[in-house]
Structure formats: structure tokens, C-alpha cells
């Protein structure tokens, strides 16, 4: 990636995180994402779903998790493997004790069984309607999605607020395209 693109991504990331810190509580009050995702869940049927617990004012997954558990879906959460800097998913139940990873993000403990989700809900710092996302810059989700798509296909649902959309989001060759964008207002299929 050229230096200009890297700098541009860093500037967009900072702007969007600041914006999210300012607007998230206002938009969270109108979070109907659990209603919008229902259509997708009906179409895909029962499968294992990887999700996340919100960090730094990310959009809340609480209502989606409640819906998923009520419908009998199994949920797993991402865990950072410090040895190889890759991400895996481990089974999760809301009653489970969690631990903080090196970034301060809660994740299942190491003794919890690793899972292979068939669909993942991916947190967004920013997104484009072309299906690309901007995260925190570590590449964990891009590497995970790339590896899964080489072995099987995985359904990817980027999840964020409508105000996180970026029209001309810079992309790199390793950036993985999402299948869906879910916000507090809509579910959009990437074509």
C-alpha cells in the first residue's frame, strides 16, 4: 500500500472513531439491527455464528445476541492468538467468564472450545457500499475471512452505524469484501 493510502486510512479511521464516540449513544437508541438481521437468519437457517462484544462505542450486539440465542443459534466470539497474531473463534455463552486480550477486548478464555463459524458479524470502524470495511488496522478479520474463504465459504456481515459509511474508502489488495452490511437502520446485500 502506498504511503498516501495508509495515511488516508489513518485519517479516516481517526475521524470515524471520534464521530462514533460523539454519536453512538444517540444512534444506539434507534438500533433496530436485530429486526433487520431476521430476514437473513430465516434464509440461511441454523448455523454457527461468530459475533463480537462491543468495544470503544461500537454498535451494540446485545439485542442480536438475545435474538440468536432465542432462535437456538450457537454463538462464538473472536480471540486473538498471541503466538501467531491470528484470530480464532471460541464458543460463548453469556454466563461464561471472559478475559481481556492485549487490546482490552473481552474474549472467551483459552480453555473454551474453538469453533468454526459459518457466518460472522464483523465490527466496523467504517464501510463502503461496495462491501469493504475499515477496522482498527490490525488485519485480523481480513486474514480470518481470507483463510475461511480458501477452505469453505463464510457469510460476512459488517455491522456498524449508518454514519460510518465512507464513499471512497481506500482499499488494499488484502482487504476482504463483505457479503452484507447491517446498521441500526437497514440490512444491505453486497452484489
Protein backbone atom coordinates (compact mmCIF):
# COMPACT_ATOMS: atom_id res chain seq x y z
CA UNK A 1 0.00 0.00 0.00
CA UNK A 2 1.39 3.38 -0.82
CA UNK A 3 2.05 5.85 1.97
CA UNK A 4 -0.74 8.21 0.83
CA UNK A 5 -3.37 5.46 1.11
CA UNK A 6 -2.07 4.41 4.52
CA UNK A 7 -2.19 7.99 5.76
CA UNK A 8 -5.65 8.46 4.28
CA UNK A 9 -6.92 5.31 6.03
CA UNK A 10 -5.44 6.51 9.33
CA UNK A 11 -7.13 9.91 8.94
CA UNK A 12 -10.50 8.33 8.07
CA UNK A 13 -10.17 5.90 10.99
CA UNK A 14 -9.48 8.70 13.47
CA UNK A 15 -12.35 10.81 12.13
CA UNK A 16 -14.82 7.91 12.30
CA UNK A 17 -13.79 6.80 15.80
CA UNK A 18 -14.18 10.39 17.02
CA UNK A 19 -17.58 10.59 15.30
CA UNK A 20 -18.65 7.26 16.82
CA UNK A 21 -17.60 8.42 20.28
CA UNK A 22 -19.75 11.52 19.81
CA UNK A 23 -22.85 9.97 18.20
CA UNK A 24 -23.05 6.33 19.33
CA UNK A 25 -25.40 6.83 22.30
CA UNK A 26 -27.84 8.86 20.19
CA UNK A 27 -27.89 6.26 17.41
CA UNK A 28 -27.93 3.29 19.79
CA UNK A 29 -31.40 4.38 20.96
CA UNK A 30 -32.64 3.67 17.42
CA UNK A 31 -30.79 0.37 16.98
CA UNK A 32 -33.21 -1.99 15.20
CA UNK A 33 -30.49 -4.21 13.75
CA UNK A 34 -31.97 -7.29 15.44
CA UNK A 35 -35.12 -6.79 13.35
CA UNK A 36 -33.21 -6.26 10.09
CA UNK A 37 -30.99 -9.33 10.51
CA UNK A 38 -34.02 -11.59 11.00
CA UNK A 39 -34.58 -11.88 7.24
CA UNK A 40 -31.02 -13.10 6.68
CA UNK A 41 -31.31 -15.59 9.55
CA UNK A 42 -34.51 -17.03 8.06
CA UNK A 43 -32.79 -17.51 4.69
CA UNK A 44 -29.58 -19.14 5.94
CA UNK A 45 -31.16 -21.42 8.52
CA UNK A 46 -29.41 -22.77 11.60
CA UNK A 47 -25.66 -22.31 11.55
CA UNK A 48 -22.80 -21.36 13.85
CA UNK A 49 -22.41 -17.60 14.13
CA UNK A 50 -19.31 -15.68 15.14
CA UNK A 51 -20.06 -12.30 16.67
CA UNK A 52 -18.30 -9.86 18.97
CA UNK A 53 -18.78 -7.86 22.15
CA UNK A 54 -18.72 -4.09 21.54
CA UNK A 55 -15.54 -2.18 22.31
CA UNK A 56 -14.96 1.60 22.29
CA UNK A 57 -18.56 2.59 21.48
CA UNK A 58 -19.04 0.01 18.73
CA UNK A 59 -22.69 -0.66 17.92
CA UNK A 60 -24.25 -2.99 20.50
CA UNK A 61 -24.70 -6.66 19.68
CA UNK A 62 -26.86 -7.28 22.78
CA UNK A 63 -30.25 -7.46 21.02
CA UNK A 64 -28.82 -9.54 18.18
CA UNK A 65 -27.31 -11.98 20.67
CA UNK A 66 -30.63 -12.24 22.52
CA UNK A 67 -32.39 -12.97 19.21
CA UNK A 68 -29.77 -15.55 18.15
CA UNK A 69 -29.96 -17.41 21.47
CA UNK A 70 -33.79 -17.34 21.42
CA UNK A 71 -33.72 -18.94 17.95
CA UNK A 72 -31.26 -21.64 19.02
CA UNK A 73 -28.15 -20.39 17.22
CA UNK A 74 -24.70 -21.12 18.65
CA UNK A 75 -22.52 -18.03 19.10
CA UNK A 76 -18.76 -17.75 19.26
CA UNK A 77 -16.53 -14.76 19.90
CA UNK A 78 -13.18 -13.76 18.36
CA UNK A 79 -9.97 -14.45 20.24
CA UNK A 80 -6.53 -13.17 19.34
CA UNK A 81 -3.83 -15.82 19.26
CA UNK A 82 -0.76 -14.02 20.64
CA UNK A 83 1.59 -16.67 19.22
CA UNK A 84 0.80 -16.17 15.53
CA UNK A 85 -1.25 -12.92 15.62
CA UNK A 86 -4.22 -14.63 14.02
CA UNK A 87 -7.81 -14.70 15.16
CA UNK A 88 -9.89 -17.73 16.06
CA UNK A 89 -13.42 -18.02 17.43
CA UNK A 90 -14.39 -19.80 20.66
CA UNK A 91 -17.83 -20.87 21.83
CA UNK A 92 -19.60 -18.33 24.02
CA UNK A 93 -22.47 -18.30 26.44
CA UNK A 94 -23.39 -15.06 28.28
CA UNK A 95 -22.76 -16.82 31.60
CA UNK A 96 -19.15 -17.62 30.66
CA UNK A 97 -16.30 -15.78 32.34
CA UNK A 98 -14.29 -13.74 29.85
CA UNK A 99 -10.76 -12.36 29.85
CA UNK A 100 -9.25 -9.26 28.31
CA UNK A 101 -6.86 -9.67 25.41
CA UNK A 102 -3.85 -7.40 24.86
CA UNK A 103 -6.12 -4.72 23.36
CA UNK A 104 -8.51 -4.73 26.33
CA UNK A 105 -11.23 -6.57 24.35
CA UNK A 106 -13.18 -9.26 26.20
CA UNK A 107 -12.84 -12.76 24.78
CA UNK A 108 -13.52 -16.35 25.92
CA UNK A 109 -10.78 -17.97 27.97
CA UNK A 110 -8.21 -20.25 26.33
CA UNK A 111 -9.77 -23.41 27.77
CA UNK A 112 -13.02 -22.81 25.84
CA UNK A 113 -13.51 -24.92 22.70
CA UNK A 114 -12.53 -23.36 19.37
CA UNK A 115 -15.41 -23.00 16.93
CA UNK A 116 -15.69 -22.74 13.15
CA UNK A 117 -18.45 -20.20 12.44
CA UNK A 118 -20.28 -20.33 9.14
CA UNK A 119 -21.30 -16.68 9.43
CA UNK A 120 -19.56 -13.84 11.24
CA UNK A 121 -20.77 -10.44 12.35
CA UNK A 122 -17.83 -8.09 11.84
CA UNK A 123 -17.45 -4.79 13.72
CA UNK A 124 -16.90 -1.74 11.54
CA UNK A 125 -14.99 1.47 12.06
CA UNK A 126 -16.08 2.40 8.54
CA UNK A 127 -17.54 0.77 5.45
CA UNK A 128 -18.34 1.37 1.81
CA UNK A 129 -21.44 0.20 -0.04
CA UNK A 130 -19.04 -1.76 -2.26
CA UNK A 131 -18.61 -4.10 0.72
CA UNK A 132 -15.22 -3.06 2.06
CA UNK A 133 -14.60 -2.27 5.71
CA UNK A 134 -12.25 -0.20 7.74
CA UNK A 135 -11.24 -1.69 11.08
CA UNK A 136 -8.62 -0.74 13.63
CA UNK A 137 -5.79 -1.65 11.24
CA UNK A 138 -4.56 -4.98 12.63
CA UNK A 139 -5.83 -7.09 9.73
CA UNK A 140 -7.24 -9.83 11.99
CA UNK A 141 -10.64 -10.06 10.28
CA UNK A 142 -9.13 -9.81 6.78
CA UNK A 143 -6.78 -12.72 7.49
CA UNK A 144 -9.55 -14.79 9.11
CA UNK A 145 -12.01 -14.21 6.24
CA UNK A 146 -9.34 -14.90 3.61
CA UNK A 147 -8.36 -18.20 5.26
CA UNK A 148 -12.00 -19.28 5.70
CA UNK A 149 -12.89 -18.44 2.11
CA UNK A 150 -9.97 -20.56 0.86
CA UNK A 151 -11.25 -23.58 2.82
CA UNK A 152 -15.02 -23.02 2.78
CA UNK A 153 -17.22 -20.05 2.19
CA UNK A 154 -18.16 -17.88 5.13
CA UNK A 155 -21.02 -15.37 5.24
CA UNK A 156 -19.72 -12.00 6.40
CA UNK A 157 -21.96 -9.30 7.85
CA UNK A 158 -20.31 -5.95 8.57
CA UNK A 159 -22.06 -4.22 11.49
CA UNK A 160 -21.92 -0.52 12.26
CA UNK A 161 -23.86 2.73 12.34
CA UNK A 162 -25.13 4.41 9.16
CA UNK A 163 -22.91 7.43 9.84
CA UNK A 164 -19.83 5.19 9.42
CA UNK A 165 -20.34 4.89 5.66
CA UNK A 166 -17.46 6.25 3.57
CA UNK A 167 -17.99 6.86 -0.15
CA UNK A 168 -14.41 6.49 -1.36
CA UNK A 169 -12.85 4.15 1.18
CA UNK A 170 -9.25 3.33 0.19
CA UNK A 171 -8.77 -0.41 -0.26
CA UNK A 172 -5.71 -2.62 -0.37
CA UNK A 173 -5.15 -5.97 -2.07
CA UNK A 174 -5.54 -7.86 1.25
CA UNK A 175 -8.86 -6.18 2.17
CA UNK A 176 -11.68 -8.72 2.16
CA UNK A 177 -15.09 -7.86 0.77
CA UNK A 178 -18.12 -8.40 3.00
CA UNK A 179 -21.37 -10.09 1.88
CA UNK A 180 -23.73 -7.86 3.86
CA UNK A 181 -23.79 -4.51 5.67
CA UNK A 182 -26.02 -4.28 8.75
CA UNK A 183 -26.74 -0.99 10.51
CA UNK A 184 -29.26 0.31 13.00
CA UNK A 185 -31.47 1.19 10.01
CA UNK A 186 -31.00 -1.47 7.32
CA UNK A 187 -29.52 -4.73 6.03
CA UNK A 188 -27.86 -4.34 2.62
CA UNK A 189 -26.67 -7.21 0.39
CA UNK A 190 -23.40 -6.55 -1.39
CA UNK A 191 -23.60 -7.54 -5.05
